[in-house]
N, C-alpha and C. Protein backbone atom coordinates (compact mmCIF):
# COMPACT_ATOMS: atom_id res chain seq x y z
N MET A 1 -5.37 -8.69 0.95
CA MET A 1 -6.06 -9.92 1.27
C MET A 1 -7.47 -9.94 0.69
N GLY A 2 -7.99 -8.79 0.35
CA GLY A 2 -9.35 -8.70 -0.15
C GLY A 2 -9.58 -9.37 -1.48
N GLU A 3 -8.52 -9.57 -2.25
CA GLU A 3 -8.68 -10.19 -3.57
C GLU A 3 -9.14 -11.65 -3.49
N TYR A 4 -9.05 -12.25 -2.32
CA TYR A 4 -9.48 -13.64 -2.14
C TYR A 4 -10.89 -13.77 -1.59
N ALA A 5 -11.52 -12.69 -1.25
CA ALA A 5 -12.78 -12.70 -0.52
C ALA A 5 -13.91 -13.46 -1.22
N ASP A 6 -13.92 -13.50 -2.52
CA ASP A 6 -15.00 -14.18 -3.25
C ASP A 6 -14.77 -15.68 -3.39
N TYR A 7 -13.67 -16.21 -2.86
CA TYR A 7 -13.32 -17.61 -3.08
C TYR A 7 -13.42 -18.50 -1.86
N GLY A 8 -13.89 -17.99 -0.75
CA GLY A 8 -14.00 -18.83 0.44
C GLY A 8 -14.97 -18.24 1.45
N ASP A 9 -15.47 -19.09 2.32
CA ASP A 9 -16.40 -18.66 3.37
C ASP A 9 -15.68 -18.06 4.56
N TYR A 10 -14.51 -18.58 4.87
CA TYR A 10 -13.73 -18.13 6.03
C TYR A 10 -12.27 -17.99 5.60
N PHE A 11 -11.60 -17.03 6.21
CA PHE A 11 -10.18 -16.84 5.95
C PHE A 11 -9.44 -16.74 7.28
N TRP A 12 -8.33 -17.47 7.36
CA TRP A 12 -7.55 -17.55 8.59
C TRP A 12 -6.08 -17.34 8.28
N LEU A 13 -5.39 -16.72 9.21
CA LEU A 13 -3.94 -16.61 9.18
C LEU A 13 -3.43 -17.35 10.40
N CYS A 14 -2.50 -18.28 10.22
CA CYS A 14 -1.95 -19.05 11.33
C CYS A 14 -0.50 -18.59 11.54
N ILE A 15 -0.21 -18.15 12.77
CA ILE A 15 1.09 -17.56 13.08
C ILE A 15 1.60 -18.06 14.42
N PRO A 16 2.91 -17.87 14.67
CA PRO A 16 3.41 -18.17 16.01
C PRO A 16 2.85 -17.14 17.00
N LYS A 17 2.70 -17.55 18.23
CA LYS A 17 2.13 -16.69 19.26
C LYS A 17 2.86 -15.35 19.38
N GLU A 18 4.16 -15.35 19.15
CA GLU A 18 4.98 -14.15 19.29
C GLU A 18 4.59 -13.05 18.30
N LEU A 19 3.94 -13.38 17.21
CA LEU A 19 3.58 -12.39 16.19
C LEU A 19 2.15 -11.88 16.31
N LEU A 20 1.44 -12.29 17.35
CA LEU A 20 0.02 -11.96 17.47
C LEU A 20 -0.26 -10.46 17.45
N GLU A 21 0.45 -9.69 18.22
CA GLU A 21 0.17 -8.24 18.27
C GLU A 21 0.45 -7.57 16.93
N VAL A 22 1.49 -7.98 16.25
CA VAL A 22 1.80 -7.43 14.93
C VAL A 22 0.70 -7.81 13.94
N ALA A 23 0.28 -9.07 13.97
CA ALA A 23 -0.74 -9.55 13.03
C ALA A 23 -2.06 -8.84 13.22
N LYS A 24 -2.43 -8.52 14.45
CA LYS A 24 -3.70 -7.85 14.70
C LYS A 24 -3.80 -6.52 13.96
N SER A 25 -2.68 -5.85 13.76
CA SER A 25 -2.71 -4.56 13.07
C SER A 25 -2.67 -4.70 11.55
N TYR A 26 -2.31 -5.87 11.04
CA TYR A 26 -2.20 -6.06 9.60
C TYR A 26 -3.29 -6.92 8.96
N VAL A 27 -3.82 -7.86 9.71
CA VAL A 27 -4.79 -8.80 9.16
C VAL A 27 -6.12 -8.08 8.93
N ALA A 28 -6.70 -8.29 7.75
CA ALA A 28 -7.94 -7.61 7.36
C ALA A 28 -9.09 -7.92 8.31
N LYS A 29 -9.97 -6.96 8.45
CA LYS A 29 -11.16 -7.15 9.28
C LYS A 29 -11.95 -8.33 8.72
N GLY A 30 -12.44 -9.18 9.59
CA GLY A 30 -13.20 -10.35 9.17
C GLY A 30 -12.36 -11.62 9.06
N TRP A 31 -11.04 -11.46 8.93
CA TRP A 31 -10.15 -12.62 8.89
C TRP A 31 -9.91 -13.10 10.30
N GLY A 32 -9.78 -14.41 10.45
CA GLY A 32 -9.47 -14.98 11.75
C GLY A 32 -7.97 -15.14 11.92
N ILE A 33 -7.56 -15.22 13.17
CA ILE A 33 -6.14 -15.44 13.47
C ILE A 33 -6.02 -16.68 14.35
N LEU A 34 -5.22 -17.62 13.90
CA LEU A 34 -4.90 -18.82 14.65
C LEU A 34 -3.46 -18.69 15.14
N ILE A 35 -3.20 -19.12 16.36
CA ILE A 35 -1.83 -19.11 16.85
C ILE A 35 -1.42 -20.53 17.21
N PHE A 36 -0.15 -20.82 16.98
CA PHE A 36 0.36 -22.14 17.35
C PHE A 36 1.53 -21.96 18.32
N ASP A 37 1.67 -22.96 19.19
CA ASP A 37 2.75 -22.91 20.17
C ASP A 37 3.84 -23.91 19.80
N LYS A 38 4.85 -23.99 20.64
CA LYS A 38 5.99 -24.86 20.34
C LYS A 38 5.62 -26.34 20.32
N ASN A 39 4.47 -26.69 20.92
CA ASN A 39 3.99 -28.08 20.91
C ASN A 39 3.05 -28.35 19.73
N LYS A 40 2.98 -27.40 18.80
CA LYS A 40 2.16 -27.49 17.59
C LYS A 40 0.67 -27.54 17.88
N ARG A 41 0.26 -26.96 19.01
CA ARG A 41 -1.16 -26.81 19.31
C ARG A 41 -1.64 -25.51 18.69
N ILE A 42 -2.84 -25.55 18.10
CA ILE A 42 -3.40 -24.37 17.45
C ILE A 42 -4.62 -23.91 18.24
N THR A 43 -4.68 -22.61 18.50
CA THR A 43 -5.82 -22.02 19.18
C THR A 43 -6.29 -20.78 18.42
N ILE A 44 -7.54 -20.44 18.62
CA ILE A 44 -8.13 -19.28 17.94
C ILE A 44 -7.84 -18.03 18.76
N ALA A 45 -7.18 -17.06 18.12
CA ALA A 45 -6.94 -15.77 18.77
C ALA A 45 -8.02 -14.77 18.37
N ARG A 46 -8.51 -14.89 17.14
CA ARG A 46 -9.60 -14.04 16.66
C ARG A 46 -10.42 -14.87 15.68
N LYS A 47 -11.71 -14.96 15.93
CA LYS A 47 -12.60 -15.76 15.09
C LYS A 47 -12.83 -15.06 13.74
N ALA A 48 -12.88 -15.86 12.69
CA ALA A 48 -13.15 -15.33 11.35
C ALA A 48 -14.64 -15.15 11.15
N ASP A 49 -15.00 -14.09 10.44
CA ASP A 49 -16.40 -13.87 10.06
C ASP A 49 -16.72 -14.72 8.84
N ARG A 50 -17.96 -15.19 8.76
CA ARG A 50 -18.38 -15.92 7.56
C ARG A 50 -18.67 -14.91 6.45
N ARG A 51 -18.15 -15.20 5.28
CA ARG A 51 -18.36 -14.35 4.11
C ARG A 51 -19.23 -15.10 3.11
N GLU A 52 -19.79 -14.37 2.20
CA GLU A 52 -20.57 -14.98 1.12
C GLU A 52 -19.60 -15.37 0.00
N CYS A 53 -19.40 -16.64 -0.17
CA CYS A 53 -18.47 -17.14 -1.19
C CYS A 53 -19.19 -17.16 -2.53
N LEU A 54 -18.85 -16.21 -3.39
CA LEU A 54 -19.50 -16.11 -4.69
C LEU A 54 -19.08 -17.21 -5.66
N PHE A 55 -17.86 -17.69 -5.51
CA PHE A 55 -17.34 -18.68 -6.46
C PHE A 55 -17.09 -20.03 -5.78
N ARG A 56 -17.95 -20.41 -4.84
CA ARG A 56 -17.76 -21.65 -4.08
C ARG A 56 -17.66 -22.86 -5.01
N GLN A 57 -18.61 -23.01 -5.93
CA GLN A 57 -18.62 -24.17 -6.81
C GLN A 57 -17.37 -24.22 -7.69
N GLU A 58 -17.01 -23.08 -8.27
CA GLU A 58 -15.83 -23.04 -9.14
C GLU A 58 -14.55 -23.34 -8.36
N THR A 59 -14.47 -22.79 -7.15
CA THR A 59 -13.28 -23.00 -6.32
C THR A 59 -13.15 -24.46 -5.92
N LEU A 60 -14.25 -25.06 -5.48
CA LEU A 60 -14.23 -26.47 -5.09
C LEU A 60 -13.91 -27.36 -6.29
N THR A 61 -14.50 -27.07 -7.44
CA THR A 61 -14.24 -27.85 -8.65
C THR A 61 -12.76 -27.79 -9.02
N GLU A 62 -12.17 -26.60 -8.99
CA GLU A 62 -10.75 -26.46 -9.33
C GLU A 62 -9.86 -27.20 -8.32
N ALA A 63 -10.20 -27.11 -7.05
CA ALA A 63 -9.39 -27.79 -6.03
C ALA A 63 -9.44 -29.30 -6.22
N ILE A 64 -10.62 -29.82 -6.49
CA ILE A 64 -10.76 -31.26 -6.70
C ILE A 64 -10.03 -31.69 -7.96
N THR A 65 -10.21 -30.95 -9.04
CA THR A 65 -9.54 -31.27 -10.30
C THR A 65 -8.02 -31.26 -10.12
N HIS A 66 -7.52 -30.22 -9.48
CA HIS A 66 -6.08 -30.12 -9.26
C HIS A 66 -5.59 -31.27 -8.38
N SER A 67 -6.33 -31.56 -7.33
CA SER A 67 -5.94 -32.61 -6.41
C SER A 67 -5.90 -33.97 -7.10
N LEU A 68 -6.91 -34.26 -7.91
CA LEU A 68 -6.97 -35.56 -8.60
C LEU A 68 -5.85 -35.68 -9.63
N CYS A 69 -5.53 -34.58 -10.29
CA CYS A 69 -4.48 -34.60 -11.30
C CYS A 69 -3.09 -34.74 -10.67
N CYS A 70 -2.93 -34.21 -9.47
CA CYS A 70 -1.61 -34.17 -8.84
C CYS A 70 -1.45 -35.18 -7.73
N GLY A 71 -2.45 -36.02 -7.49
CA GLY A 71 -2.34 -37.05 -6.48
C GLY A 71 -2.54 -36.55 -5.05
N GLY A 72 -3.14 -35.38 -4.89
CA GLY A 72 -3.38 -34.84 -3.55
C GLY A 72 -4.64 -35.41 -2.94
N ILE A 73 -4.93 -34.98 -1.74
CA ILE A 73 -6.11 -35.42 -1.01
C ILE A 73 -6.92 -34.19 -0.63
N ILE A 74 -8.23 -34.23 -0.84
CA ILE A 74 -9.11 -33.13 -0.44
C ILE A 74 -9.71 -33.46 0.92
N LEU A 75 -9.63 -32.53 1.83
CA LEU A 75 -10.28 -32.67 3.13
C LEU A 75 -11.45 -31.71 3.17
N ILE A 76 -12.64 -32.23 3.41
CA ILE A 76 -13.82 -31.37 3.51
C ILE A 76 -14.27 -31.39 4.96
N VAL A 77 -14.20 -30.22 5.60
CA VAL A 77 -14.54 -30.09 7.01
C VAL A 77 -15.48 -28.91 7.18
N SER A 78 -16.69 -29.17 7.61
CA SER A 78 -17.69 -28.13 7.85
C SER A 78 -17.85 -27.19 6.65
N GLY A 79 -17.85 -27.75 5.46
CA GLY A 79 -18.06 -26.94 4.26
C GLY A 79 -16.79 -26.25 3.78
N LEU A 80 -15.70 -26.43 4.48
CA LEU A 80 -14.43 -25.84 4.05
C LEU A 80 -13.56 -26.95 3.47
N PHE A 81 -12.62 -26.57 2.64
CA PHE A 81 -11.75 -27.57 2.08
C PHE A 81 -10.35 -27.02 1.94
N ARG A 82 -9.39 -27.92 1.88
CA ARG A 82 -8.02 -27.54 1.57
C ARG A 82 -7.37 -28.70 0.86
N THR A 83 -6.39 -28.43 0.09
CA THR A 83 -5.67 -29.47 -0.63
C THR A 83 -4.39 -29.80 0.13
N CYS A 84 -4.19 -31.06 0.36
CA CYS A 84 -2.99 -31.51 1.08
C CYS A 84 -2.16 -32.39 0.16
N PHE A 85 -0.87 -32.23 0.18
CA PHE A 85 0.01 -33.05 -0.64
C PHE A 85 1.06 -33.69 0.23
């Protein structure tokens, strides 16, 4: 998971509640863990640490370019972004 560390401020893994104990032993230190239940509610099981994103501008530029070319939508929330299709 460390190969992505320079490309984002926060990293999260979202899993079903049943996998929480297994995930805690595998998910890298500093990564957050989100759990979802059968009603599709998401809660924080472990908060993610903020990292220094070295390639923030390049990552955002690529996401926007890709999204515009492919008809996706960019969501910007608290300085974070994701591409939705």
